[in-house]
Amino acid sequence: MCWRCAEIDKEIDHYRCLCTRVADEGSIKSLHIPIEELKVEKARVHIEGLQ
């Protein structure tokens, strides 16, 4: 795993941890937005690395 993917995984873990700490459904939904964006960024990093 490249260093950028490791950093992205740390950010994803941070947001997932926050999801376990909040009880407000709106907050939980809004925390899933950056998680999905980070997953897309991670996929993009892998695609760029293959080219």
C-alpha atoms as a PDB file:
ATOM      1  CA  MET A   1       0.000   0.000   0.000  1.00  0.00           C
ATOM      2  CA  CYS A   2       1.362   3.402  -0.933  1.00  0.00           C
ATOM      3  CA  TRP A   3       1.780   6.177   1.623  1.00  0.00           C
ATOM      4  CA  ARG A   4      -1.111   8.193   0.153  1.00  0.00           C
ATOM      5  CA  CYS A   5      -3.500   5.256   0.521  1.00  0.00           C
ATOM      6  CA  ALA A   6      -2.366   4.786   4.103  1.00  0.00           C
ATOM      7  CA  GLU A   7      -3.131   8.451   4.813  1.00  0.00           C
ATOM      8  CA  ILE A   8      -6.547   8.164   3.182  1.00  0.00           C
ATOM      9  CA  ASP A   9      -7.286   5.056   5.263  1.00  0.00           C
ATOM     10  CA  LYS A  10      -6.394   6.985   8.430  1.00  0.00           C
ATOM     11  CA  GLU A  11      -8.853   9.722   7.462  1.00  0.00           C
ATOM     12  CA  ILE A  12     -11.566   7.164   6.713  1.00  0.00           C
ATOM     13  CA  ASP A  13     -10.978   5.496  10.094  1.00  0.00           C
ATOM     14  CA  HIS A  14     -11.233   8.904  11.777  1.00  0.00           C
ATOM     15  CA  TYR A  15     -14.644   9.593  10.223  1.00  0.00           C
ATOM     16  CA  ARG A  16     -15.865   6.075  11.026  1.00  0.00           C
ATOM     17  CA  CYS A  17     -14.819   6.563  14.647  1.00  0.00           C
ATOM     18  CA  LEU A  18     -16.766   9.829  14.735  1.00  0.00           C
ATOM     19  CA  CYS A  19     -19.819   7.969  13.417  1.00  0.00           C
ATOM     20  CA  THR A  20     -19.733   5.707  16.461  1.00  0.00           C
ATOM     21  CA  ARG A  21     -19.624   8.689  18.818  1.00  0.00           C
ATOM     22  CA  VAL A  22     -22.597  10.664  17.543  1.00  0.00           C
ATOM     23  CA  ALA A  23     -26.236   9.699  17.901  1.00  0.00           C
ATOM     24  CA  ASP A  24     -27.788  12.280  15.586  1.00  0.00           C
ATOM     25  CA  GLU A  25     -28.902  10.616  12.355  1.00  0.00           C
ATOM     26  CA  GLY A  26     -28.216  13.769  10.332  1.00  0.00           C
ATOM     27  CA  SER A  27     -24.656  13.957  11.600  1.00  0.00           C
ATOM     28  CA  ILE A  28     -24.060  10.308  10.827  1.00  0.00           C
ATOM     29  CA  LYS A  29     -25.331  10.777   7.278  1.00  0.00           C
ATOM     30  CA  SER A  30     -23.163  13.856   6.806  1.00  0.00           C
ATOM     31  CA  LEU A  31     -20.097  11.949   8.032  1.00  0.00           C
ATOM     32  CA  HIS A  32     -20.617   9.315   5.352  1.00  0.00           C
ATOM     33  CA  ILE A  33     -20.165  11.946   2.623  1.00  0.00           C
ATOM     34  CA  PRO A  34     -16.429  12.527   3.226  1.00  0.00           C
ATOM     35  CA  ILE A  35     -15.941   8.775   3.708  1.00  0.00           C
ATOM     36  CA  GLU A  36     -17.346   8.112   0.238  1.00  0.00           C
ATOM     37  CA  GLU A  37     -15.308  10.983  -1.234  1.00  0.00           C
ATOM     38  CA  LEU A  38     -12.139   9.542   0.296  1.00  0.00           C
ATOM     39  CA  LYS A  39     -12.924   6.107  -1.130  1.00  0.00           C
ATOM     40  CA  VAL A  40     -13.260   7.672  -4.586  1.00  0.00           C
ATOM     41  CA  GLU A  41      -9.977   9.536  -4.097  1.00  0.00           C
ATOM     42  CA  LYS A  42      -8.247   6.301  -3.072  1.00  0.00           C
ATOM     43  CA  ALA A  43      -9.539   4.553  -6.201  1.00  0.00           C
ATOM     44  CA  ARG A  44      -8.361   7.490  -8.323  1.00  0.00           C
ATOM     45  CA  VAL A  45      -4.884   7.306  -6.778  1.00  0.00           C
ATOM     46  CA  HIS A  46      -4.669   3.630  -7.738  1.00  0.00           C
ATOM     47  CA  ILE A  47      -5.841   4.304 -11.291  1.00  0.00           C
ATOM     48  CA  GLU A  48      -3.286   7.103 -11.733  1.00  0.00           C
ATOM     49  CA  GLY A  49      -0.567   4.839 -10.356  1.00  0.00           C
ATOM     50  CA  LEU A  50      -1.322   2.176 -12.955  1.00  0.00           C
ATOM     51  CA  GLN A  51      -1.001   4.560 -15.897  1.00  0.00           C
END
